[in-house]
Amino acid sequence: MPKHISVLLDECIENLNIDPTGIYVDGTLGLGGHSLEIAKRLTTGRLIGIDRDETAIERSAERLADYRERITLVHGNFRELGSILDSLGIEKVNGMLFDLGVSSPQLDEAERGSSYMADAPLDMRMDRSRGQSAGELVNHMDQQSLRSILREYGEERYAAQIAAAIVRARERKPIETTLELVDIIKGAMPAAALREKQHPAKRSFQAIRIAVNDELEAEREMLDTAMERLAPGGRLCVITFHSLEDKIAKAAIRQRENGCTCPRDFPVCKCGFVQTVRSVHRKPLTASQEELEYNPRSRSARLRVAERL
């Protein structure tokens, strides 16, 4: 099994406030690092582990084997959280955790086609059994849509130039591998951008991966459902790795925490807003200096925690 270090592990476990008899959901199972620590703290409780990647399900099952009597693993998309819980006969849960970053296998295993550091067929799908691949997207999407994706999802300053370069390249031959795409991206960027510390293809690969997996809309749907299905006092922990995800998590929590639309000078609320959650921390939690030293991938991680009222 690939080496895997769970991001913000201690912070997540502490903030989930685990009840040994409670029901918990790890909606982004990955290799099971967070789930393992949750399961260790359960007695008669139950953990539901969800992942759209079948490989993740298989590998985490091995890691969690000692606790299988209290764990249910589900191959599915977390945007289907409500129907998954319904199928298991679960109405409310005591805590949910979602790590929205790309899982280690998807980055470390070149054949997954998500890394800009190794050559592989362009794929990027979390669930390789369905949906269009990154290769299909970059070879068939029109230039304006490509530009919009790169700008909106990757916050890429050179979105127009990169989109135009992709279209020119695919007119000569289909773009088939990750490093082919990396070369096209580099060729479209000015020399100054290539000298920046961040890899020049990072933002574009992020944008394409988000589009391929429809990640942002799935995250919005998941957060809506998650906060509805928490029991009173239940906690939601959401780890994000880039600003778009963090904005979605922040907005979803804030809407239920302070969604009153009345003018500020109204003495009482007239719009009927009822607060359903509260933020446990005023600002998102970040990795400690100690974690940054042994787990560099945690440097951009942000943890937001909400509690159901």
C-alpha atoms as a PDB file:
ATOM      1  CA  MET A   1       0.000   0.000   0.000  1.00  0.00           C
ATOM      2  CA  PRO A   2       1.347   3.486  -0.856  1.00  0.00           C
ATOM      3  CA  LYS A   3       2.634   5.584   2.016  1.00  0.00           C
ATOM      4  CA  HIS A   4      -0.082   7.933   3.163  1.00  0.00           C
ATOM      5  CA  ILE A   5      -0.115  10.670   5.804  1.00  0.00           C
ATOM      6  CA  SER A   6      -3.538  12.019   6.704  1.00  0.00           C
ATOM      7  CA  VAL A   7      -3.700  15.817   6.743  1.00  0.00           C
ATOM      8  CA  LEU A   8      -4.736  17.628   9.950  1.00  0.00           C
ATOM      9  CA  LEU A   9      -5.457  14.263  11.559  1.00  0.00           C
ATOM     10  CA  ASP A  10      -5.236  15.338  15.208  1.00  0.00           C
ATOM     11  CA  GLU A  11      -7.281  18.466  14.577  1.00  0.00           C
ATOM     12  CA  CYS A  12     -10.029  16.474  12.847  1.00  0.00           C
ATOM     13  CA  ILE A  13     -10.290  13.854  15.565  1.00  0.00           C
ATOM     14  CA  GLU A  14     -10.345  16.470  18.311  1.00  0.00           C
ATOM     15  CA  ASN A  15     -13.012  18.559  16.593  1.00  0.00           C
ATOM     16  CA  LEU A  16     -15.271  15.638  15.709  1.00  0.00           C
ATOM     17  CA  ASN A  17     -15.827  15.227  19.467  1.00  0.00           C
ATOM     18  CA  ILE A  18     -16.310  11.495  18.978  1.00  0.00           C
ATOM     19  CA  ASP A  19     -19.002   9.693  20.935  1.00  0.00           C
ATOM     20  CA  PRO A  20     -18.010   5.991  21.144  1.00  0.00           C
ATOM     21  CA  THR A  21     -21.640   5.025  20.541  1.00  0.00           C
ATOM     22  CA  GLY A  22     -22.270   7.493  17.720  1.00  0.00           C
ATOM     23  CA  ILE A  23     -22.582   7.238  13.947  1.00  0.00           C
ATOM     24  CA  TYR A  24     -19.900   8.919  11.805  1.00  0.00           C
ATOM     25  CA  VAL A  25     -19.255   9.426   8.115  1.00  0.00           C
ATOM     26  CA  ASP A  26     -15.902   9.710   6.384  1.00  0.00           C
ATOM     27  CA  GLY A  27     -17.108  10.902   3.009  1.00  0.00           C
ATOM     28  CA  THR A  28     -13.653  10.904   1.401  1.00  0.00           C
ATOM     29  CA  LEU A  29     -12.262   7.605   2.603  1.00  0.00           C
ATOM     30  CA  GLY A  30      -9.033   7.616   0.589  1.00  0.00           C
ATOM     31  CA  LEU A  31      -6.565   5.231   2.196  1.00  0.00           C
ATOM     32  CA  GLY A  32      -8.451   5.250   5.481  1.00  0.00           C
ATOM     33  CA  GLY A  33      -6.156   7.292   7.715  1.00  0.00           C
ATOM     34  CA  HIS A  34      -8.870   9.462   9.223  1.00  0.00           C
ATOM     35  CA  SER A  35     -11.306   6.540   9.316  1.00  0.00           C
ATOM     36  CA  LEU A  36      -8.848   4.390  11.241  1.00  0.00           C
ATOM     37  CA  GLU A  37      -8.582   6.934  14.047  1.00  0.00           C
ATOM     38  CA  ILE A  38     -12.345   7.395  14.177  1.00  0.00           C
ATOM     39  CA  ALA A  39     -12.939   3.625  14.280  1.00  0.00           C
ATOM     40  CA  LYS A  40     -10.443   3.174  17.117  1.00  0.00           C
ATOM     41  CA  ARG A  41     -12.577   5.453  19.275  1.00  0.00           C
ATOM     42  CA  LEU A  42     -15.884   3.686  18.654  1.00  0.00           C
ATOM     43  CA  THR A  43     -17.357   0.949  20.831  1.00  0.00           C
ATOM     44  CA  THR A  44     -20.943   0.304  19.773  1.00  0.00           C
ATOM     45  CA  GLY A  45     -20.822   3.144  17.253  1.00  0.00           C
ATOM     46  CA  ARG A  46     -20.650   2.896  13.480  1.00  0.00           C
ATOM     47  CA  LEU A  47     -18.519   4.468  10.770  1.00  0.00           C
ATOM     48  CA  ILE A  48     -19.639   4.853   7.149  1.00  0.00           C
ATOM     49  CA  GLY A  49     -16.696   5.227   4.747  1.00  0.00           C
ATOM     50  CA  ILE A  50     -17.518   6.557   1.264  1.00  0.00           C
ATOM     51  CA  ASP A  51     -15.298   6.912  -1.789  1.00  0.00           C
ATOM     52  CA  ARG A  52     -15.930   7.085  -5.526  1.00  0.00           C
ATOM     53  CA  ASP A  53     -12.576   5.400  -6.197  1.00  0.00           C
ATOM     54  CA  GLU A  54     -12.861   1.608  -6.098  1.00  0.00           C
ATOM     55  CA  THR A  55      -9.109   1.292  -5.528  1.00  0.00           C
ATOM     56  CA  ALA A  56      -9.431   3.395  -2.386  1.00  0.00           C
ATOM     57  CA  ILE A  57     -12.205   1.151  -1.101  1.00  0.00           C
ATOM     58  CA  GLU A  58     -10.099  -1.969  -1.656  1.00  0.00           C
ATOM     59  CA  ARG A  59      -6.977  -0.575  -0.019  1.00  0.00           C
ATOM     60  CA  SER A  60      -8.697   1.003   2.946  1.00  0.00           C
ATOM     61  CA  ALA A  61     -10.522  -2.264   3.624  1.00  0.00           C
ATOM     62  CA  GLU A  62      -7.130  -3.846   4.318  1.00  0.00           C
ATOM     63  CA  ARG A  63      -6.062  -1.008   6.589  1.00  0.00           C
ATOM     64  CA  LEU A  64      -9.322  -1.055   8.535  1.00  0.00           C
ATOM     65  CA  ALA A  65      -9.644  -4.841   8.764  1.00  0.00           C
ATOM     66  CA  ASP A  66      -9.289  -4.924  12.565  1.00  0.00           C
ATOM     67  CA  TYR A  67     -12.360  -2.708  12.940  1.00  0.00           C
ATOM     68  CA  ARG A  68     -14.602  -4.022  10.165  1.00  0.00           C
ATOM     69  CA  GLU A  69     -17.413  -4.967  12.554  1.00  0.00           C
ATOM     70  CA  ARG A  70     -18.045  -1.262  13.164  1.00  0.00           C
ATOM     71  CA  ILE A  71     -17.372   0.012   9.610  1.00  0.00           C
ATOM     72  CA  THR A  72     -19.467   0.036   6.437  1.00  0.00           C
ATOM     73  CA  LEU A  73     -17.605   0.854   3.217  1.00  0.00           C
ATOM     74  CA  VAL A  74     -19.564   2.321   0.301  1.00  0.00           C
ATOM     75  CA  HIS A  75     -18.426   2.835  -3.289  1.00  0.00           C
ATOM     76  CA  GLY A  76     -20.203   6.049  -4.192  1.00  0.00           C
ATOM     77  CA  ASN A  77     -20.040   9.799  -4.727  1.00  0.00           C
ATOM     78  CA  PHE A  78     -20.430  11.968  -1.650  1.00  0.00           C
ATOM     79  CA  ARG A  79     -22.928  14.111  -3.543  1.00  0.00           C
ATOM     80  CA  GLU A  80     -25.228  11.077  -3.093  1.00  0.00           C
ATOM     81  CA  LEU A  81     -24.786  11.268   0.693  1.00  0.00           C
ATOM     82  CA  GLY A  82     -28.497  11.482   1.406  1.00  0.00           C
ATOM     83  CA  SER A  83     -29.435   8.429  -0.615  1.00  0.00           C
ATOM     84  CA  ILE A  84     -26.486   6.471   0.786  1.00  0.00           C
ATOM     85  CA  LEU A  85     -27.598   7.161   4.355  1.00  0.00           C
ATOM     86  CA  ASP A  86     -31.208   6.334   3.449  1.00  0.00           C
ATOM     87  CA  SER A  87     -30.141   2.996   1.961  1.00  0.00           C
ATOM     88  CA  LEU A  88     -28.409   2.179   5.245  1.00  0.00           C
ATOM     89  CA  GLY A  89     -31.418   3.178   7.324  1.00  0.00           C
ATOM     90  CA  ILE A  90     -29.598   6.128   8.904  1.00  0.00           C
ATOM     91  CA  GLU A  91     -31.494   9.369   9.502  1.00  0.00           C
ATOM     92  CA  LYS A  92     -28.998  11.425  11.535  1.00  0.00           C
ATOM     93  CA  VAL A  93     -25.275  11.136  12.250  1.00  0.00           C
ATOM     94  CA  ASN A  94     -23.038  12.459  15.017  1.00  0.00           C
ATOM     95  CA  GLY A  95     -20.181  13.636  12.842  1.00  0.00           C
ATOM     96  CA  MET A  96     -18.956  13.888   9.273  1.00  0.00           C
ATOM     97  CA  LEU A  97     -15.520  14.413   7.771  1.00  0.00           C
ATOM     98  CA  PHE A  98     -14.679  15.402   4.199  1.00  0.00           C
ATOM     99  CA  ASP A  99     -11.117  15.820   2.946  1.00  0.00           C
ATOM    100  CA  LEU A 100     -11.561  17.566  -0.402  1.00  0.00           C
ATOM    101  CA  GLY A 101      -7.951  17.272  -1.555  1.00  0.00           C
ATOM    102  CA  VAL A 102      -6.730  14.905  -4.225  1.00  0.00           C
ATOM    103  CA  SER A 103      -5.912  11.579  -2.584  1.00  0.00           C
ATOM    104  CA  SER A 104      -2.316  10.410  -2.453  1.00  0.00           C
ATOM    105  CA  PRO A 105      -2.761   7.480  -4.884  1.00  0.00           C
ATOM    106  CA  GLN A 106      -4.235   9.780  -7.505  1.00  0.00           C
ATOM    107  CA  LEU A 107      -1.127  11.966  -7.285  1.00  0.00           C
ATOM    108  CA  ASP A 108       1.535   9.366  -6.610  1.00  0.00           C
ATOM    109  CA  GLU A 109       0.477   6.656  -9.054  1.00  0.00           C
ATOM    110  CA  ALA A 110       1.342   7.911 -12.528  1.00  0.00           C
ATOM    111  CA  GLU A 111      -1.151   5.649 -14.263  1.00  0.00           C
ATOM    112  CA  ARG A 112      -4.030   7.586 -12.689  1.00  0.00           C
ATOM    113  CA  GLY A 113      -3.265  10.448 -15.088  1.00  0.00           C
ATOM    114  CA  SER A 114      -3.632  13.236 -12.522  1.00  0.00           C
ATOM    115  CA  SER A 115      -0.016  14.211 -11.940  1.00  0.00           C
ATOM    116  CA  TYR A 116       1.915  16.808 -13.900  1.00  0.00           C
ATOM    117  CA  MET A 117       5.164  15.234 -12.669  1.00  0.00           C
ATOM    118  CA  ALA A 118       4.964  11.870 -14.467  1.00  0.00           C
ATOM    119  CA  ASP A 119       3.836  10.727 -17.910  1.00  0.00           C
ATOM    120  CA  ALA A 120       0.590   8.782 -18.213  1.00  0.00           C
ATOM    121  CA  PRO A 121      -2.600   8.748 -20.281  1.00  0.00           C
ATOM    122  CA  LEU A 122      -4.704  11.802 -19.435  1.00  0.00           C
ATOM    123  CA  ASP A 123      -7.487  10.620 -17.134  1.00  0.00           C
ATOM    124  CA  MET A 124      -7.918  12.430 -13.774  1.00  0.00           C
ATOM    125  CA  ARG A 125     -11.231  10.711 -12.987  1.00  0.00           C
ATOM    126  CA  MET A 126     -11.737   9.766  -9.348  1.00  0.00           C
ATOM    127  CA  ASP A 127     -14.070   7.003 -10.498  1.00  0.00           C
ATOM    128  CA  ARG A 128     -12.524   5.517 -13.618  1.00  0.00           C
ATOM    129  CA  SER A 129     -15.633   3.461 -14.346  1.00  0.00           C
ATOM    130  CA  ARG A 130     -17.718   6.461 -15.438  1.00  0.00           C
ATOM    131  CA  GLY A 131     -17.637   9.926 -16.968  1.00  0.00           C
ATOM    132  CA  GLN A 132     -15.336  11.571 -19.486  1.00  0.00           C
ATOM    133  CA  SER A 133     -11.597  11.575 -18.956  1.00  0.00           C
ATOM    134  CA  ALA A 134      -9.330  14.620 -18.971  1.00  0.00           C
ATOM    135  CA  GLY A 135      -8.094  13.524 -22.374  1.00  0.00           C
ATOM    136  CA  GLU A 136     -11.606  13.619 -23.782  1.00  0.00           C
ATOM    137  CA  LEU A 137     -12.200  17.021 -22.233  1.00  0.00           C
ATOM    138  CA  VAL A 138      -9.079  18.748 -23.566  1.00  0.00           C
ATOM    139  CA  ASN A 139      -9.486  17.226 -27.017  1.00  0.00           C
ATOM    140  CA  HIS A 140     -13.159  18.067 -27.525  1.00  0.00           C
ATOM    141  CA  MET A 141     -14.155  21.081 -25.434  1.00  0.00           C
ATOM    142  CA  ASP A 142     -14.376  24.370 -27.352  1.00  0.00           C
ATOM    143  CA  GLN A 143     -11.749  27.039 -26.753  1.00  0.00           C
ATOM    144  CA  GLN A 144     -14.007  29.470 -24.876  1.00  0.00           C
ATOM    145  CA  SER A 145     -15.158  26.775 -22.456  1.00  0.00           C
ATOM    146  CA  LEU A 146     -11.573  25.667 -21.872  1.00  0.00           C
ATOM    147  CA  ARG A 147     -10.608  29.240 -21.140  1.00  0.00           C
ATOM    148  CA  SER A 148     -13.492  29.628 -18.676  1.00  0.00           C
ATOM    149  CA  ILE A 149     -12.598  26.419 -16.839  1.00  0.00           C
ATOM    150  CA  LEU A 150      -8.928  27.368 -16.507  1.00  0.00           C
ATOM    151  CA  ARG A 151      -9.789  30.837 -15.267  1.00  0.00           C
ATOM    152  CA  GLU A 152     -12.637  29.928 -12.921  1.00  0.00           C
ATOM    153  CA  TYR A 153     -11.475  26.598 -11.501  1.00  0.00           C
ATOM    154  CA  GLY A 154      -7.715  27.127 -11.673  1.00  0.00           C
ATOM    155  CA  GLU A 155      -7.545  30.899 -11.216  1.00  0.00           C
ATOM    156  CA  GLU A 156      -5.023  30.742 -14.045  1.00  0.00           C
ATOM    157  CA  ARG A 157      -3.799  34.162 -15.226  1.00  0.00           C
ATOM    158  CA  TYR A 158      -2.848  32.810 -18.645  1.00  0.00           C
ATOM    159  CA  ALA A 159      -6.091  30.910 -19.265  1.00  0.00           C
ATOM    160  CA  ALA A 160      -6.677  32.479 -22.691  1.00  0.00           C
ATOM    161  CA  GLN A 161      -3.189  31.680 -23.947  1.00  0.00           C
ATOM    162  CA  ILE A 162      -3.255  28.122 -22.610  1.00  0.00           C
ATOM    163  CA  ALA A 163      -6.697  27.380 -24.057  1.00  0.00           C
ATOM    164  CA  ALA A 164      -5.592  28.652 -27.465  1.00  0.00           C
ATOM    165  CA  ALA A 165      -2.411  26.555 -27.300  1.00  0.00           C
ATOM    166  CA  ILE A 166      -4.404  23.420 -26.440  1.00  0.00           C
ATOM    167  CA  VAL A 167      -6.694  23.943 -29.435  1.00  0.00           C
ATOM    168  CA  ARG A 168      -3.740  24.499 -31.799  1.00  0.00           C
ATOM    169  CA  ALA A 169      -1.967  21.389 -30.502  1.00  0.00           C
ATOM    170  CA  ARG A 170      -4.954  19.085 -30.837  1.00  0.00           C
ATOM    171  CA  GLU A 171      -5.519  20.220 -34.413  1.00  0.00           C
ATOM    172  CA  ARG A 172      -2.181  18.575 -35.231  1.00  0.00           C
ATOM    173  CA  LYS A 173      -2.766  15.440 -33.151  1.00  0.00           C
ATOM    174  CA  PRO A 174      -4.826  14.397 -30.125  1.00  0.00           C
ATOM    175  CA  ILE A 175      -3.339  15.277 -26.715  1.00  0.00           C
ATOM    176  CA  GLU A 176      -2.951  11.883 -25.079  1.00  0.00           C
ATOM    177  CA  THR A 177      -0.633  12.100 -22.059  1.00  0.00           C
ATOM    178  CA  THR A 178      -0.056  14.262 -18.997  1.00  0.00           C
ATOM    179  CA  LEU A 179       3.396  15.437 -20.049  1.00  0.00           C
ATOM    180  CA  GLU A 180       2.158  16.339 -23.527  1.00  0.00           C
ATOM    181  CA  LEU A 181      -0.317  18.645 -21.833  1.00  0.00           C
ATOM    182  CA  VAL A 182       2.357  19.997 -19.482  1.00  0.00           C
ATOM    183  CA  ASP A 183       4.549  20.921 -22.463  1.00  0.00           C
ATOM    184  CA  ILE A 184       1.637  22.700 -24.166  1.00  0.00           C
ATOM    185  CA  ILE A 185       0.888  24.671 -20.995  1.00  0.00           C
ATOM    186  CA  LYS A 186       4.521  25.650 -20.533  1.00  0.00           C
ATOM    187  CA  GLY A 187       4.784  26.720 -24.143  1.00  0.00           C
ATOM    188  CA  ALA A 188       1.837  29.085 -23.741  1.00  0.00           C
ATOM    189  CA  MET A 189       3.193  30.872 -20.667  1.00  0.00           C
ATOM    190  CA  PRO A 190       5.692  33.746 -20.531  1.00  0.00           C
ATOM    191  CA  ALA A 191       9.212  33.092 -19.289  1.00  0.00           C
ATOM    192  CA  ALA A 192       8.610  34.934 -16.019  1.00  0.00           C
ATOM    193  CA  ALA A 193       5.727  32.601 -15.131  1.00  0.00           C
ATOM    194  CA  LEU A 194       7.918  29.551 -15.751  1.00  0.00           C
ATOM    195  CA  ARG A 195      10.369  30.808 -13.154  1.00  0.00           C
ATOM    196  CA  GLU A 196       7.766  30.957 -10.385  1.00  0.00           C
ATOM    197  CA  LYS A 197       8.104  28.529  -7.472  1.00  0.00           C
ATOM    198  CA  GLN A 198       4.806  26.812  -8.278  1.00  0.00           C
ATOM    199  CA  HIS A 199       4.840  24.292 -11.115  1.00  0.00           C
ATOM    200  CA  PRO A 200       3.477  26.044 -14.220  1.00  0.00           C
ATOM    201  CA  ALA A 201       0.898  23.306 -14.870  1.00  0.00           C
ATOM    202  CA  LYS A 202      -0.464  23.108 -11.329  1.00  0.00           C
ATOM    203  CA  ARG A 203      -3.377  25.517 -11.758  1.00  0.00           C
ATOM    204  CA  SER A 204      -4.401  24.111 -15.143  1.00  0.00           C
ATOM    205  CA  PHE A 205      -4.329  20.518 -13.913  1.00  0.00           C
ATOM    206  CA  GLN A 206      -6.385  21.541 -10.880  1.00  0.00           C
ATOM    207  CA  ALA A 207      -8.947  23.203 -13.128  1.00  0.00           C
ATOM    208  CA  ILE A 208      -9.251  20.241 -15.506  1.00  0.00           C
ATOM    209  CA  ARG A 209      -9.521  17.756 -12.638  1.00  0.00           C
ATOM    210  CA  ILE A 210     -12.308  19.806 -11.044  1.00  0.00           C
ATOM    211  CA  ALA A 211     -14.182  19.954 -14.363  1.00  0.00           C
ATOM    212  CA  VAL A 212     -13.755  16.234 -15.100  1.00  0.00           C
ATOM    213  CA  ASN A 213     -15.104  15.246 -11.686  1.00  0.00           C
ATOM    214  CA  ASP A 214     -17.677  18.060 -11.389  1.00  0.00           C
ATOM    215  CA  GLU A 215     -16.145  18.637  -7.983  1.00  0.00           C
ATOM    216  CA  LEU A 216     -17.446  22.049  -6.980  1.00  0.00           C
ATOM    217  CA  GLU A 217     -21.114  21.332  -7.625  1.00  0.00           C
ATOM    218  CA  ALA A 218     -20.754  17.956  -5.907  1.00  0.00           C
ATOM    219  CA  GLU A 219     -19.217  19.689  -2.890  1.00  0.00           C
ATOM    220  CA  ARG A 220     -22.078  22.183  -2.681  1.00  0.00           C
ATOM    221  CA  GLU A 221     -24.654  19.397  -2.766  1.00  0.00           C
ATOM    222  CA  MET A 222     -22.725  17.336  -0.222  1.00  0.00           C
ATOM    223  CA  LEU A 223     -22.406  20.228   2.247  1.00  0.00           C
ATOM    224  CA  ASP A 224     -26.116  21.002   2.013  1.00  0.00           C
ATOM    225  CA  THR A 225     -26.990  17.393   2.775  1.00  0.00           C
ATOM    226  CA  ALA A 226     -24.330  16.955   5.450  1.00  0.00           C
ATOM    227  CA  MET A 227     -25.562  19.827   7.581  1.00  0.00           C
ATOM    228  CA  GLU A 228     -29.154  18.640   7.244  1.00  0.00           C
ATOM    229  CA  ARG A 229     -28.282  15.118   8.347  1.00  0.00           C
ATOM    230  CA  LEU A 230     -26.239  16.038  11.416  1.00  0.00           C
ATOM    231  CA  ALA A 231     -27.859  15.326  14.764  1.00  0.00           C
ATOM    232  CA  PRO A 232     -28.007  18.197  17.287  1.00  0.00           C
ATOM    233  CA  GLY A 233     -24.482  18.692  18.626  1.00  0.00           C
ATOM    234  CA  GLY A 234     -23.022  16.807  15.663  1.00  0.00           C
ATOM    235  CA  ARG A 235     -19.880  18.153  14.053  1.00  0.00           C
ATOM    236  CA  LEU A 236     -18.917  18.659  10.392  1.00  0.00           C
ATOM    237  CA  CYS A 237     -15.198  18.840   9.522  1.00  0.00           C
ATOM    238  CA  VAL A 238     -14.230  19.950   6.008  1.00  0.00           C
ATOM    239  CA  ILE A 239     -10.623  20.058   4.792  1.00  0.00           C
ATOM    240  CA  THR A 240      -9.950  22.159   1.705  1.00  0.00           C
ATOM    241  CA  PHE A 241      -6.796  22.790  -0.283  1.00  0.00           C
ATOM    242  CA  HIS A 242      -7.546  25.698  -2.592  1.00  0.00           C
ATOM    243  CA  SER A 243      -9.474  28.937  -2.358  1.00  0.00           C
ATOM    244  CA  LEU A 244     -12.481  27.847  -4.437  1.00  0.00           C
ATOM    245  CA  GLU A 245     -13.216  24.893  -2.176  1.00  0.00           C
ATOM    246  CA  ASP A 246     -12.673  26.963   0.945  1.00  0.00           C
ATOM    247  CA  LYS A 247     -15.080  29.649  -0.296  1.00  0.00           C
ATOM    248  CA  ILE A 248     -17.743  26.998  -0.911  1.00  0.00           C
ATOM    249  CA  ALA A 249     -17.317  25.510   2.565  1.00  0.00           C
ATOM    250  CA  LYS A 250     -17.285  28.937   4.199  1.00  0.00           C
ATOM    251  CA  ALA A 251     -20.401  30.080   2.325  1.00  0.00           C
ATOM    252  CA  ALA A 252     -22.335  26.893   3.079  1.00  0.00           C
ATOM    253  CA  ILE A 253     -21.659  27.204   6.805  1.00  0.00           C
ATOM    254  CA  ARG A 254     -22.268  30.948   6.898  1.00  0.00           C
ATOM    255  CA  GLN A 255     -25.620  30.595   5.113  1.00  0.00           C
ATOM    256  CA  ARG A 256     -26.917  28.422   7.944  1.00  0.00           C
ATOM    257  CA  GLU A 257     -25.159  30.401  10.626  1.00  0.00           C
ATOM    258  CA  ASN A 258     -26.047  33.937   9.599  1.00  0.00           C
ATOM    259  CA  GLY A 259     -28.425  33.804   6.641  1.00  0.00           C
ATOM    260  CA  CYS A 260     -30.872  36.475   7.772  1.00  0.00           C
ATOM    261  CA  THR A 261     -31.769  38.791   4.885  1.00  0.00           C
ATOM    262  CA  CYS A 262     -33.467  41.506   6.955  1.00  0.00           C
ATOM    263  CA  PRO A 263     -32.032  45.052   6.930  1.00  0.00           C
ATOM    264  CA  ARG A 264     -29.555  45.623   9.726  1.00  0.00           C
ATOM    265  CA  ASP A 265     -31.757  48.251  11.404  1.00  0.00           C
ATOM    266  CA  PHE A 266     -34.629  45.779  11.932  1.00  0.00           C
ATOM    267  CA  PRO A 267     -34.945  45.133  15.686  1.00  0.00           C
ATOM    268  CA  VAL A 268     -36.059  41.518  15.100  1.00  0.00           C
ATOM    269  CA  CYS A 269     -35.815  39.081  12.201  1.00  0.00           C
ATOM    270  CA  LYS A 270     -38.783  39.207   9.826  1.00  0.00           C
ATOM    271  CA  CYS A 271     -37.489  36.915   7.061  1.00  0.00           C
ATOM    272  CA  GLY A 272     -37.972  33.753   9.099  1.00  0.00           C
ATOM    273  CA  PHE A 273     -34.305  32.736   9.173  1.00  0.00           C
ATOM    274  CA  VAL A 274     -33.454  30.090  11.740  1.00  0.00           C
ATOM    275  CA  GLN A 275     -29.817  29.444  12.569  1.00  0.00           C
ATOM    276  CA  THR A 276     -29.069  25.720  12.272  1.00  0.00           C
ATOM    277  CA  VAL A 277     -25.273  25.543  12.685  1.00  0.00           C
ATOM    278  CA  ARG A 278     -22.466  27.496  14.287  1.00  0.00           C
ATOM    279  CA  SER A 279     -18.805  27.756  13.370  1.00  0.00           C
ATOM    280  CA  VAL A 280     -16.677  26.130  16.055  1.00  0.00           C
ATOM    281  CA  HIS A 281     -13.673  28.319  15.171  1.00  0.00           C
ATOM    282  CA  ARG A 282     -13.685  31.891  13.921  1.00  0.00           C
ATOM    283  CA  LYS A 283     -11.020  31.073  11.323  1.00  0.00           C
ATOM    284  CA  PRO A 284     -10.074  27.804   9.599  1.00  0.00           C
ATOM    285  CA  LEU A 285      -7.463  25.660  11.309  1.00  0.00           C
ATOM    286  CA  THR A 286      -4.140  25.088   9.569  1.00  0.00           C
ATOM    287  CA  ALA A 287      -1.305  22.605   9.943  1.00  0.00           C
ATOM    288  CA  SER A 288       1.148  23.000  12.792  1.00  0.00           C
ATOM    289  CA  GLN A 289       4.806  23.664  12.097  1.00  0.00           C
ATOM    290  CA  GLU A 290       5.525  20.094  13.175  1.00  0.00           C
ATOM    291  CA  GLU A 291       3.102  18.682  10.604  1.00  0.00           C
ATOM    292  CA  LEU A 292       4.458  20.940   7.881  1.00  0.00           C
ATOM    293  CA  GLU A 293       7.899  19.433   8.432  1.00  0.00           C
ATOM    294  CA  TYR A 294       6.854  15.783   8.063  1.00  0.00           C
ATOM    295  CA  ASN A 295       3.898  16.281   5.690  1.00  0.00           C
ATOM    296  CA  PRO A 296       4.547  19.114   3.207  1.00  0.00           C
ATOM    297  CA  ARG A 297       1.232  18.431   1.434  1.00  0.00           C
ATOM    298  CA  SER A 298      -0.531  19.941   4.440  1.00  0.00           C
ATOM    299  CA  ARG A 299       0.818  23.443   3.776  1.00  0.00           C
ATOM    300  CA  SER A 300      -2.289  24.629   1.919  1.00  0.00           C
ATOM    301  CA  ALA A 301      -4.831  22.663   3.970  1.00  0.00           C
ATOM    302  CA  ARG A 302      -7.639  24.491   5.779  1.00  0.00           C
ATOM    303  CA  LEU A 303     -10.052  22.866   8.224  1.00  0.00           C
ATOM    304  CA  ARG A 304     -13.475  24.386   8.830  1.00  0.00           C
ATOM    305  CA  VAL A 305     -15.663  22.987  11.602  1.00  0.00           C
ATOM    306  CA  ALA A 306     -19.397  23.497  12.089  1.00  0.00           C
ATOM    307  CA  GLU A 307     -21.695  22.206  14.820  1.00  0.00           C
ATOM    308  CA  ARG A 308     -25.389  21.488  14.403  1.00  0.00           C
ATOM    309  CA  LEU A 309     -27.551  23.367  16.875  1.00  0.00           C
END
